Amino acid sequence: MPNLRVSDLDAAERWYTALLGRGPDERPMDGLLEWRLGPGAGLQVWREPDAAGRSGCTVTVFDLDAVAARLTAAGVAHEGVEQASSVRILRLADPDGNRVVLTD
């Protein structure tokens, strides 16, 4: 399960809630948020200020255009969907600068 390190867990929770369209599924321990994204898939967000902003992950979504529109409406900044070599991607950065790439 990919994990991203952040300095401010409250700010990260707001951002990832906007990104994923819902709040975390679990708070298994202090400083950790988890979202379940499907069978065997998920995302962890850790409060670890000394390593914040040095993480990244790629998440596959079913309708990248719809997700991009929802993120725009939610105020999540991005440069729009772009064509990569064989897939389309949407590059995002969380409040600490962690790279999150969505693809379909």
PDB file of N, CA and C in Angstrom:
ATOM      1  N   MET A   1       0.852  -1.167   0.000  1.00  0.00           N
ATOM      2  CA  MET A   1       0.000   0.000   0.000  1.00  0.00           C
ATOM      3  C   MET A   1       0.901   1.234   0.000  1.00  0.00           C
ATOM      4  N   PRO A   2       0.762   2.110  -0.989  1.00  0.00           N
ATOM      5  CA  PRO A   2       1.593   3.320  -1.018  1.00  0.00           C
ATOM      6  C   PRO A   2       1.358   4.176   0.218  1.00  0.00           C
ATOM      7  N   ASN A   3       2.409   4.818   0.671  1.00  0.00           N
ATOM      8  CA  ASN A   3       2.245   5.747   1.790  1.00  0.00           C
ATOM      9  C   ASN A   3       2.932   7.059   1.449  1.00  0.00           C
ATOM     10  N   LEU A   4       2.299   8.122   1.892  1.00  0.00           N
ATOM     11  CA  LEU A   4       2.779   9.478   1.644  1.00  0.00           C
ATOM     12  C   LEU A   4       3.013  10.146   2.984  1.00  0.00           C
ATOM     13  N   ARG A   5       4.125  10.870   3.096  1.00  0.00           N
ATOM     14  CA  ARG A   5       4.497  11.503   4.361  1.00  0.00           C
ATOM     15  C   ARG A   5       4.169  12.990   4.306  1.00  0.00           C
ATOM     16  N   VAL A   6       3.530  13.459   5.373  1.00  0.00           N
ATOM     17  CA  VAL A   6       3.063  14.850   5.410  1.00  0.00           C
ATOM     18  C   VAL A   6       3.471  15.507   6.720  1.00  0.00           C
ATOM     19  N   SER A   7       3.460  16.832   6.721  1.00  0.00           N
ATOM     20  CA  SER A   7       3.802  17.573   7.935  1.00  0.00           C
ATOM     21  C   SER A   7       2.571  17.918   8.762  1.00  0.00           C
ATOM     22  N   ASP A   8       1.445  18.160   8.114  1.00  0.00           N
ATOM     23  CA  ASP A   8       0.218  18.583   8.789  1.00  0.00           C
ATOM     24  C   ASP A   8      -0.879  17.592   8.426  1.00  0.00           C
ATOM     25  N   LEU A   9      -1.208  16.692   9.345  1.00  0.00           N
ATOM     26  CA  LEU A   9      -2.173  15.634   9.057  1.00  0.00           C
ATOM     27  C   LEU A   9      -3.572  16.190   8.805  1.00  0.00           C
ATOM     28  N   ASP A  10      -3.963  17.257   9.489  1.00  0.00           N
ATOM     29  CA  ASP A  10      -5.285  17.839   9.264  1.00  0.00           C
ATOM     30  C   ASP A  10      -5.399  18.411   7.852  1.00  0.00           C
ATOM     31  N   ALA A  11      -4.399  19.163   7.415  1.00  0.00           N
ATOM     32  CA  ALA A  11      -4.404  19.710   6.053  1.00  0.00           C
ATOM     33  C   ALA A  11      -4.376  18.581   5.026  1.00  0.00           C
ATOM     34  N   ALA A  12      -3.576  17.564   5.288  1.00  0.00           N
ATOM     35  CA  ALA A  12      -3.500  16.427   4.376  1.00  0.00           C
ATOM     36  C   ALA A  12      -4.834  15.692   4.316  1.00  0.00           C
ATOM     37  N   GLU A  13      -5.482  15.540   5.458  1.00  0.00           N
ATOM     38  CA  GLU A  13      -6.784  14.863   5.444  1.00  0.00           C
ATOM     39  C   GLU A  13      -7.784  15.624   4.584  1.00  0.00           C
ATOM     40  N   ARG A  14      -7.810  16.937   4.687  1.00  0.00           N
ATOM     41  CA  ARG A  14      -8.720  17.729   3.841  1.00  0.00           C
ATOM     42  C   ARG A  14      -8.388  17.530   2.365  1.00  0.00           C
ATOM     43  N   TRP A  15      -7.098  17.584   2.012  1.00  0.00           N
ATOM     44  CA  TRP A  15      -6.688  17.475   0.616  1.00  0.00           C
ATOM     45  C   TRP A  15      -7.000  16.082   0.060  1.00  0.00           C
ATOM     46  N   TYR A  16      -6.624  15.029   0.786  1.00  0.00           N
ATOM     47  CA  TYR A  16      -6.867  13.674   0.300  1.00  0.00           C
ATOM     48  C   TYR A  16      -8.349  13.321   0.312  1.00  0.00           C
ATOM     49  N   THR A  17      -9.126  13.914   1.213  1.00  0.00           N
ATOM     50  CA  THR A  17     -10.577  13.734   1.192  1.00  0.00           C
ATOM     51  C   THR A  17     -11.146  14.352  -0.079  1.00  0.00           C
ATOM     52  N   ALA A  18     -10.669  15.538  -0.465  1.00  0.00           N
ATOM     53  CA  ALA A  18     -11.105  16.148  -1.731  1.00  0.00           C
ATOM     54  C   ALA A  18     -10.649  15.292  -2.908  1.00  0.00           C
ATOM     55  N   LEU A  19      -9.414  14.806  -2.866  1.00  0.00           N
ATOM     56  CA  LEU A  19      -8.882  13.983  -3.942  1.00  0.00           C
ATOM     57  C   LEU A  19      -9.704  12.715  -4.134  1.00  0.00           C
ATOM     58  N   LEU A  20      -9.969  12.019  -3.041  1.00  0.00           N
ATOM     59  CA  LEU A  20     -10.612  10.710  -3.121  1.00  0.00           C
ATOM     60  C   LEU A  20     -12.133  10.767  -3.005  1.00  0.00           C
ATOM     61  N   GLY A  21     -12.672  11.945  -2.713  1.00  0.00           N
ATOM     62  CA  GLY A  21     -14.114  12.102  -2.660  1.00  0.00           C
ATOM     63  C   GLY A  21     -14.763  11.585  -1.397  1.00  0.00           C
ATOM     64  N   ARG A  22     -13.959  11.270  -0.390  1.00  0.00           N
ATOM     65  CA  ARG A  22     -14.484  10.776   0.896  1.00  0.00           C
ATOM     66  C   ARG A  22     -13.371  10.767   1.928  1.00  0.00           C
ATOM     67  N   GLY A  23     -13.771  10.748   3.167  1.00  0.00           N
ATOM     68  CA  GLY A  23     -12.805  10.727   4.257  1.00  0.00           C
ATOM     69  C   GLY A  23     -12.105   9.381   4.381  1.00  0.00           C
ATOM     70  N   PRO A  24     -11.123   9.309   5.274  1.00  0.00           N
ATOM     71  CA  PRO A  24     -10.368   8.062   5.446  1.00  0.00           C
ATOM     72  C   PRO A  24     -11.256   6.940   5.965  1.00  0.00           C
ATOM     73  N   ASP A  25     -10.914   5.727   5.575  1.00  0.00           N
ATOM     74  CA  ASP A  25     -11.634   4.540   6.043  1.00  0.00           C
ATOM     75  C   ASP A  25     -11.156   4.095   7.412  1.00  0.00           C
ATOM     76  N   GLU A  26      -9.902   4.368   7.715  1.00  0.00           N
ATOM     77  CA  GLU A  26      -9.315   3.902   8.977  1.00  0.00           C
ATOM     78  C   GLU A  26      -8.363   4.945   9.537  1.00  0.00           C
ATOM     79  N   ARG A  27      -8.239   4.914  10.851  1.00  0.00           N
ATOM     80  CA  ARG A  27      -7.227   5.674  11.592  1.00  0.00           C
ATOM     81  C   ARG A  27      -6.574   4.662  12.538  1.00  0.00           C
ATOM     82  N   PRO A  28      -5.741   3.796  11.980  1.00  0.00           N
ATOM     83  CA  PRO A  28      -5.241   2.668  12.767  1.00  0.00           C
ATOM     84  C   PRO A  28      -4.334   3.039  13.929  1.00  0.00           C
ATOM     85  N   MET A  29      -3.729   4.202  13.882  1.00  0.00           N
ATOM     86  CA  MET A  29      -2.870   4.641  14.971  1.00  0.00           C
ATOM     87  C   MET A  29      -2.700   6.153  14.862  1.00  0.00           C
ATOM     88  N   ASP A  30      -2.203   6.761  15.912  1.00  0.00           N
ATOM     89  CA  ASP A  30      -1.979   8.203  15.906  1.00  0.00           C
ATOM     90  C   ASP A  30      -1.040   8.573  14.759  1.00  0.00           C
ATOM     91  N   GLY A  31      -1.440   9.560  13.964  1.00  0.00           N
ATOM     92  CA  GLY A  31      -0.591  10.040  12.885  1.00  0.00           C
ATOM     93  C   GLY A  31      -0.734   9.307  11.576  1.00  0.00           C
ATOM     94  N   LEU A  32      -1.718   8.406  11.446  1.00  0.00           N
ATOM     95  CA  LEU A  32      -1.875   7.611  10.227  1.00  0.00           C
ATOM     96  C   LEU A  32      -3.335   7.599   9.781  1.00  0.00           C
ATOM     97  N   LEU A  33      -3.547   7.910   8.498  1.00  0.00           N
ATOM     98  CA  LEU A  33      -4.855   7.816   7.863  1.00  0.00           C
ATOM     99  C   LEU A  33      -4.763   6.787   6.747  1.00  0.00           C
ATOM    100  N   GLU A  34      -5.822   6.006   6.544  1.00  0.00           N
ATOM    101  CA  GLU A  34      -5.832   5.014   5.469  1.00  0.00           C
ATOM    102  C   GLU A  34      -7.134   5.098   4.676  1.00  0.00           C
ATOM    103  N   TRP A  35      -6.986   5.007   3.368  1.00  0.00           N
ATOM    104  CA  TRP A  35      -8.130   4.905   2.463  1.00  0.00           C
ATOM    105  C   TRP A  35      -8.051   3.564   1.761  1.00  0.00           C
ATOM    106  N   ARG A  36      -9.130   2.838   1.703  1.00  0.00           N
ATOM    107  CA  ARG A  36      -9.205   1.597   0.939  1.00  0.00           C
ATOM    108  C   ARG A  36      -9.707   1.959  -0.461  1.00  0.00           C
ATOM    109  N   LEU A  37      -8.982   1.528  -1.480  1.00  0.00           N
ATOM    110  CA  LEU A  37      -9.311   1.903  -2.851  1.00  0.00           C
ATOM    111  C   LEU A  37      -9.827   0.738  -3.683  1.00  0.00           C
ATOM    112  N   GLY A  38      -9.841  -0.441  -3.128  1.00  0.00           N
ATOM    113  CA  GLY A  38     -10.312  -1.627  -3.833  1.00  0.00           C
ATOM    114  C   GLY A  38      -9.644  -2.847  -3.234  1.00  0.00           C
ATOM    115  N   PRO A  39      -9.972  -4.025  -3.733  1.00  0.00           N
ATOM    116  CA  PRO A  39      -9.361  -5.241  -3.193  1.00  0.00           C
ATOM    117  C   PRO A  39      -7.835  -5.179  -3.280  1.00  0.00           C
ATOM    118  N   GLY A  40      -7.190  -5.228  -2.156  1.00  0.00           N
ATOM    119  CA  GLY A  40      -5.735  -5.208  -2.100  1.00  0.00           C
ATOM    120  C   GLY A  40      -5.101  -3.866  -2.428  1.00  0.00           C
ATOM    121  N   ALA A  41      -5.891  -2.805  -2.509  1.00  0.00           N
ATOM    122  CA  ALA A  41      -5.355  -1.492  -2.873  1.00  0.00           C
ATOM    123  C   ALA A  41      -5.764  -0.458  -1.834  1.00  0.00           C
ATOM    124  N   GLY A  42      -4.870   0.449  -1.553  1.00  0.00           N
ATOM    125  CA  GLY A  42      -5.172   1.501  -0.596  1.00  0.00           C
ATOM    126  C   GLY A  42      -4.099   2.565  -0.616  1.00  0.00           C
ATOM    127  N   LEU A  43      -4.266   3.525   0.271  1.00  0.00           N
ATOM    128  CA  LEU A  43      -3.341   4.643   0.371  1.00  0.00           C
ATOM    129  C   LEU A  43      -3.208   5.014   1.844  1.00  0.00           C
ATOM    130  N   GLN A  44      -1.982   5.169   2.304  1.00  0.00           N
ATOM    131  CA  GLN A  44      -1.720   5.603   3.667  1.00  0.00           C
ATOM    132  C   GLN A  44      -1.114   6.997   3.656  1.00  0.00           C
ATOM    133  N   VAL A  45      -1.544   7.819   4.590  1.00  0.00           N
ATOM    134  CA  VAL A  45      -0.988   9.155   4.767  1.00  0.00           C
ATOM    135  C   VAL A  45      -0.480   9.245   6.203  1.00  0.00           C
ATOM    136  N   TRP A  46       0.823   9.421   6.334  1.00  0.00           N
ATOM    137  CA  TRP A  46       1.505   9.450   7.632  1.00  0.00           C
ATOM    138  C   TRP A  46       1.930  10.871   7.987  1.00  0.00           C
ATOM    139  N   ARG A  47       1.765  11.242   9.239  1.00  0.00           N
ATOM    140  CA  ARG A  47       2.369  12.487   9.727  1.00  0.00           C
ATOM    141  C   ARG A  47       3.822  12.153  10.071  1.00  0.00           C
ATOM    142  N   GLU A  48       4.715  12.676   9.278  1.00  0.00           N
ATOM    143  CA  GLU A  48       6.151  12.479   9.465  1.00  0.00           C
ATOM    144  C   GLU A  48       6.846  13.733   8.923  1.00  0.00           C
ATOM    145  N   PRO A  49       6.826  14.821   9.697  1.00  0.00           N
ATOM    146  CA  PRO A  49       7.297  16.118   9.201  1.00  0.00           C
ATOM    147  C   PRO A  49       8.698  16.119   8.605  1.00  0.00           C
ATOM    148  N   ASP A  50       9.615  15.338   9.156  1.00  0.00           N
ATOM    149  CA  ASP A  50      10.989  15.350   8.651  1.00  0.00           C
ATOM    150  C   ASP A  50      11.120  14.769   7.245  1.00  0.00           C
ATOM    151  N   ALA A  51      10.146  13.964   6.817  1.00  0.00           N
ATOM    152  CA  ALA A  51      10.201  13.349   5.490  1.00  0.00           C
ATOM    153  C   ALA A  51       9.074  13.858   4.581  1.00  0.00           C
ATOM    154  N   ALA A  52       8.325  14.835   5.042  1.00  0.00           N
ATOM    155  CA  ALA A  52       7.180  15.335   4.270  1.00  0.00           C
ATOM    156  C   ALA A  52       7.617  15.864   2.915  1.00  0.00           C
ATOM    157  N   GLY A  53       6.806  15.588   1.911  1.00  0.00           N
ATOM    158  CA  GLY A  53       7.056  16.105   0.574  1.00  0.00           C
ATOM    159  C   GLY A  53       8.012  15.292  -0.263  1.00  0.00           C
ATOM    160  N   ARG A  54       8.455  14.156   0.229  1.00  0.00           N
ATOM    161  CA  ARG A  54       9.409  13.326  -0.505  1.00  0.00           C
ATOM    162  C   ARG A  54       8.806  11.990  -0.928  1.00  0.00           C
ATOM    163  N   SER A  55       7.477  11.963  -1.109  1.00  0.00           N
ATOM    164  CA  SER A  55       6.792  10.725  -1.466  1.00  0.00           C
ATOM    165  C   SER A  55       6.040  10.921  -2.776  1.00  0.00           C
ATOM    166  N   GLY A  56       5.599   9.825  -3.329  1.00  0.00           N
ATOM    167  CA  GLY A  56       4.787   9.890  -4.531  1.00  0.00           C
ATOM    168  C   GLY A  56       4.104   8.565  -4.782  1.00  0.00           C
ATOM    169  N   CYS A  57       3.030   8.610  -5.545  1.00  0.00           N
ATOM    170  CA  CYS A  57       2.333   7.380  -5.908  1.00  0.00           C
ATOM    171  C   CYS A  57       1.518   7.617  -7.173  1.00  0.00           C
ATOM    172  N   THR A  58       1.120   6.531  -7.794  1.00  0.00           N
ATOM    173  CA  THR A  58       0.238   6.563  -8.947  1.00  0.00           C
ATOM    174  C   THR A  58      -1.007   5.767  -8.597  1.00  0.00           C
ATOM    175  N   VAL A  59      -2.171   6.335  -8.919  1.00  0.00           N
ATOM    176  CA  VAL A  59      -3.460   5.696  -8.635  1.00  0.00           C
ATOM    177  C   VAL A  59      -4.243   5.630  -9.942  1.00  0.00           C
ATOM    178  N   THR A  60      -4.739   4.446 -10.277  1.00  0.00           N
ATOM    179  CA  THR A  60      -5.566   4.271 -11.465  1.00  0.00           C
ATOM    180  C   THR A  60      -7.012   4.563 -11.107  1.00  0.00           C
ATOM    181  N   VAL A  61      -7.679   5.350 -11.956  1.00  0.00           N
ATOM    182  CA  VAL A  61      -9.100   5.684 -11.767  1.00  0.00           C
ATOM    183  C   VAL A  61      -9.872   5.253 -13.009  1.00  0.00           C
ATOM    184  N   PHE A  62     -11.192   5.190 -12.900  1.00  0.00           N
ATOM    185  CA  PHE A  62     -12.013   4.709 -14.013  1.00  0.00           C
ATOM    186  C   PHE A  62     -12.371   5.793 -15.021  1.00  0.00           C
ATOM    187  N   ASP A  63     -12.522   7.029 -14.592  1.00  0.00           N
ATOM    188  CA  ASP A  63     -12.917   8.106 -15.500  1.00  0.00           C
ATOM    189  C   ASP A  63     -12.102   9.346 -15.151  1.00  0.00           C
ATOM    190  N   LEU A  64     -10.942   9.459 -15.750  1.00  0.00           N
ATOM    191  CA  LEU A  64     -10.000  10.519 -15.411  1.00  0.00           C
ATOM    192  C   LEU A  64     -10.590  11.904 -15.664  1.00  0.00           C
ATOM    193  N   ASP A  65     -11.353  12.063 -16.732  1.00  0.00           N
ATOM    194  CA  ASP A  65     -11.952  13.369 -17.022  1.00  0.00           C
ATOM    195  C   ASP A  65     -12.945  13.776 -15.934  1.00  0.00           C
ATOM    196  N   ALA A  66     -13.755  12.832 -15.477  1.00  0.00           N
ATOM    197  CA  ALA A  66     -14.723  13.126 -14.413  1.00  0.00           C
ATOM    198  C   ALA A  66     -14.010  13.450 -13.111  1.00  0.00           C
ATOM    199  N   VAL A  67     -12.942  12.725 -12.803  1.00  0.00           N
ATOM    200  CA  VAL A  67     -12.176  12.996 -11.586  1.00  0.00           C
ATOM    201  C   VAL A  67     -11.532  14.377 -11.672  1.00  0.00           C
ATOM    202  N   ALA A  68     -10.966  14.722 -12.821  1.00  0.00           N
ATOM    203  CA  ALA A  68     -10.356  16.045 -12.995  1.00  0.00           C
ATOM    204  C   ALA A  68     -11.391  17.150 -12.793  1.00  0.00           C
ATOM    205  N   ALA A  69     -12.577  16.964 -13.331  1.00  0.00           N
ATOM    206  CA  ALA A  69     -13.650  17.963 -13.154  1.00  0.00           C
ATOM    207  C   ALA A  69     -14.068  18.066 -11.699  1.00  0.00           C
ATOM    208  N   ARG A  70     -14.179  16.930 -11.007  1.00  0.00           N
ATOM    209  CA  ARG A  70     -14.553  16.944  -9.584  1.00  0.00           C
ATOM    210  C   ARG A  70     -13.482  17.640  -8.759  1.00  0.00           C
ATOM    211  N   LEU A  71     -12.222  17.394  -9.075  1.00  0.00           N
ATOM    212  CA  LEU A  71     -11.137  18.033  -8.335  1.00  0.00           C
ATOM    213  C   LEU A  71     -11.122  19.542  -8.577  1.00  0.00           C
ATOM    214  N   THR A  72     -11.360  19.964  -9.795  1.00  0.00           N
ATOM    215  CA  THR A  72     -11.442  21.392 -10.087  1.00  0.00           C
ATOM    216  C   THR A  72     -12.554  22.028  -9.263  1.00  0.00           C
ATOM    217  N   ALA A  73     -13.726  21.388  -9.226  1.00  0.00           N
ATOM    218  CA  ALA A  73     -14.855  21.904  -8.451  1.00  0.00           C
ATOM    219  C   ALA A  73     -14.546  21.952  -6.958  1.00  0.00           C
ATOM    220  N   ALA A  74     -13.707  21.023  -6.486  1.00  0.00           N
ATOM    221  CA  ALA A  74     -13.342  20.972  -5.064  1.00  0.00           C
ATOM    222  C   ALA A  74     -12.183  21.908  -4.732  1.00  0.00           C
ATOM    223  N   GLY A  75     -11.637  22.601  -5.743  1.00  0.00           N
ATOM    224  CA  GLY A  75     -10.551  23.542  -5.496  1.00  0.00           C
ATOM    225  C   GLY A  75      -9.165  22.925  -5.460  1.00  0.00           C
ATOM    226  N   VAL A  76      -9.017  21.696  -5.961  1.00  0.00           N
ATOM    227  CA  VAL A  76      -7.706  21.043  -6.005  1.00  0.00           C
ATOM    228  C   VAL A  76      -7.006  21.473  -7.295  1.00  0.00           C
ATOM    229  N   ALA A  77      -5.874  22.151  -7.152  1.00  0.00           N
ATOM    230  CA  ALA A  77      -5.148  22.681  -8.307  1.00  0.00           C
ATOM    231  C   ALA A  77      -4.511  21.567  -9.124  1.00  0.00           C
ATOM    232  N   HIS A  78      -4.587  21.717 -10.450  1.00  0.00           N
ATOM    233  CA  HIS A  78      -3.907  20.802 -11.365  1.00  0.00           C
ATOM    234  C   HIS A  78      -3.815  21.463 -12.730  1.00  0.00           C
ATOM    235  N   GLU A  79      -2.981  20.899 -13.587  1.00  0.00           N
ATOM    236  CA  GLU A  79      -2.758  21.448 -14.927  1.00  0.00           C
ATOM    237  C   GLU A  79      -3.608  20.767 -15.987  1.00  0.00           C
ATOM    238  N   GLY A  80      -4.475  19.853 -15.592  1.00  0.00           N
ATOM    239  CA  GLY A  80      -5.340  19.161 -16.546  1.00  0.00           C
ATOM    240  C   GLY A  80      -4.783  17.820 -16.962  1.00  0.00           C
ATOM    241  N   VAL A  81      -5.634  17.061 -17.603  1.00  0.00           N
ATOM    242  CA  VAL A  81      -5.274  15.733 -18.084  1.00  0.00           C
ATOM    243  C   VAL A  81      -4.301  15.883 -19.253  1.00  0.00           C
ATOM    244  N   GLU A  82      -3.284  15.033 -19.261  1.00  0.00           N
ATOM    245  CA  GLU A  82      -2.311  15.060 -20.357  1.00  0.00           C
ATOM    246  C   GLU A  82      -2.061  13.649 -20.862  1.00  0.00           C
ATOM    247  N   GLN A  83      -1.661  13.554 -22.107  1.00  0.00           N
ATOM    248  CA  GLN A  83      -1.350  12.260 -22.712  1.00  0.00           C
ATOM    249  C   GLN A  83       0.098  11.897 -22.402  1.00  0.00           C
ATOM    250  N   ALA A  84       0.301  10.745 -21.794  1.00  0.00           N
ATOM    251  CA  ALA A  84       1.648  10.202 -21.613  1.00  0.00           C
ATOM    252  C   ALA A  84       1.875   9.220 -22.766  1.00  0.00           C
ATOM    253  N   SER A  85       2.887   8.405 -22.693  1.00  0.00           N
ATOM    254  CA  SER A  85       3.200   7.525 -23.825  1.00  0.00           C
ATOM    255  C   SER A  85       2.043   6.604 -24.196  1.00  0.00           C
ATOM    256  N   SER A  86       1.473   5.911 -23.236  1.00  0.00           N
ATOM    257  CA  SER A  86       0.394   4.969 -23.565  1.00  0.00           C
ATOM    258  C   SER A  86      -0.859   5.174 -22.716  1.00  0.00           C
ATOM    259  N   VAL A  87      -0.832   6.080 -21.785  1.00  0.00           N
ATOM    260  CA  VAL A  87      -1.981   6.352 -20.922  1.00  0.00           C
ATOM    261  C   VAL A  87      -2.140   7.852 -20.749  1.00  0.00           C
ATOM    262  N   ARG A  88      -3.264   8.249 -20.231  1.00  0.00           N
ATOM    263  CA  ARG A  88      -3.462   9.653 -19.871  1.00  0.00           C
ATOM    264  C   ARG A  88      -3.223   9.788 -18.377  1.00  0.00           C
ATOM    265  N   ILE A  89      -2.707  10.941 -17.967  1.00  0.00           N
ATOM    266  CA  ILE A  89      -2.386  11.160 -16.557  1.00  0.00           C
ATOM    267  C   ILE A  89      -2.873  12.534 -16.106  1.00  0.00           C
ATOM    268  N   LEU A  90      -3.017  12.655 -14.808  1.00  0.00           N
ATOM    269  CA  LEU A  90      -3.302  13.931 -14.154  1.00  0.00           C
ATOM    270  C   LEU A  90      -2.325  14.047 -13.003  1.00  0.00           C
ATOM    271  N   ARG A  91      -1.408  15.012 -13.096  1.00  0.00           N
ATOM    272  CA  ARG A  91      -0.386  15.197 -12.061  1.00  0.00           C
ATOM    273  C   ARG A  91      -0.909  16.154 -10.997  1.00  0.00           C
ATOM    274  N   LEU A  92      -0.719  15.765  -9.747  1.00  0.00           N
ATOM    275  CA  LEU A  92      -1.156  16.564  -8.609  1.00  0.00           C
ATOM    276  C   LEU A  92      -0.027  16.650  -7.595  1.00  0.00           C
ATOM    277  N   ALA A  93      -0.107  17.649  -6.735  1.00  0.00           N
ATOM    278  CA  ALA A  93       0.818  17.759  -5.603  1.00  0.00           C
ATOM    279  C   ALA A  93      -0.007  18.095  -4.376  1.00  0.00           C
ATOM    280  N   ASP A  94       0.229  17.351  -3.293  1.00  0.00           N
ATOM    281  CA  ASP A  94      -0.495  17.636  -2.054  1.00  0.00           C
ATOM    282  C   ASP A  94       0.109  18.870  -1.378  1.00  0.00           C
ATOM    283  N   PRO A  95      -0.432  19.319  -0.248  1.00  0.00           N
ATOM    284  CA  PRO A  95       0.090  20.542   0.386  1.00  0.00           C
ATOM    285  C   PRO A  95       1.579  20.505   0.735  1.00  0.00           C
ATOM    286  N   ASP A  96       2.164  19.314   0.905  1.00  0.00           N
ATOM    287  CA  ASP A  96       3.594  19.212   1.194  1.00  0.00           C
ATOM    288  C   ASP A  96       4.436  19.028  -0.058  1.00  0.00           C
ATOM    289  N   GLY A  97       3.793  18.894  -1.208  1.00  0.00           N
ATOM    290  CA  GLY A  97       4.528  18.693  -2.451  1.00  0.00           C
ATOM    291  C   GLY A  97       4.696  17.245  -2.861  1.00  0.00           C
ATOM    292  N   ASN A  98       4.090  16.305  -2.133  1.00  0.00           N
ATOM    293  CA  ASN A  98       4.120  14.906  -2.560  1.00  0.00           C
ATOM    294  C   ASN A  98       3.447  14.800  -3.925  1.00  0.00           C
ATOM    295  N   ARG A  99       4.016  13.994  -4.817  1.00  0.00           N
ATOM    296  CA  ARG A  99       3.474  13.810  -6.160  1.00  0.00           C
ATOM    297  C   ARG A  99       2.436  12.701  -6.147  1.00  0.00           C
ATOM    298  N   VAL A 100       1.241  13.011  -6.619  1.00  0.00           N
ATOM    299  CA  VAL A 100       0.189  12.010  -6.805  1.00  0.00           C
ATOM    300  C   VAL A 100      -0.204  12.081  -8.276  1.00  0.00           C
ATOM    301  N   VAL A 101      -0.070  10.968  -8.979  1.00  0.00           N
ATOM    302  CA  VAL A 101      -0.413  10.916 -10.385  1.00  0.00           C
ATOM    303  C   VAL A 101      -1.618   9.991 -10.532  1.00  0.00           C
ATOM    304  N   LEU A 102      -2.664  10.521 -11.154  1.00  0.00           N
ATOM    305  CA  LEU A 102      -3.837   9.707 -11.464  1.00  0.00           C
ATOM    306  C   LEU A 102      -3.744   9.295 -12.919  1.00  0.00           C
ATOM    307  N   THR A 103      -4.156   8.092 -13.216  1.00  0.00           N
ATOM    308  CA  THR A 103      -4.123   7.583 -14.579  1.00  0.00           C
ATOM    309  C   THR A 103      -5.366   6.765 -14.853  1.00  0.00           C
ATOM    310  N   ASP A 104      -5.715   6.675 -16.113  1.00  0.00           N
ATOM    311  CA  ASP A 104      -6.805   5.781 -16.498  1.00  0.00           C
ATOM    312  C   ASP A 104      -6.299   4.890 -17.580  1.00  0.00           C
TER     313      ASP A 104
END
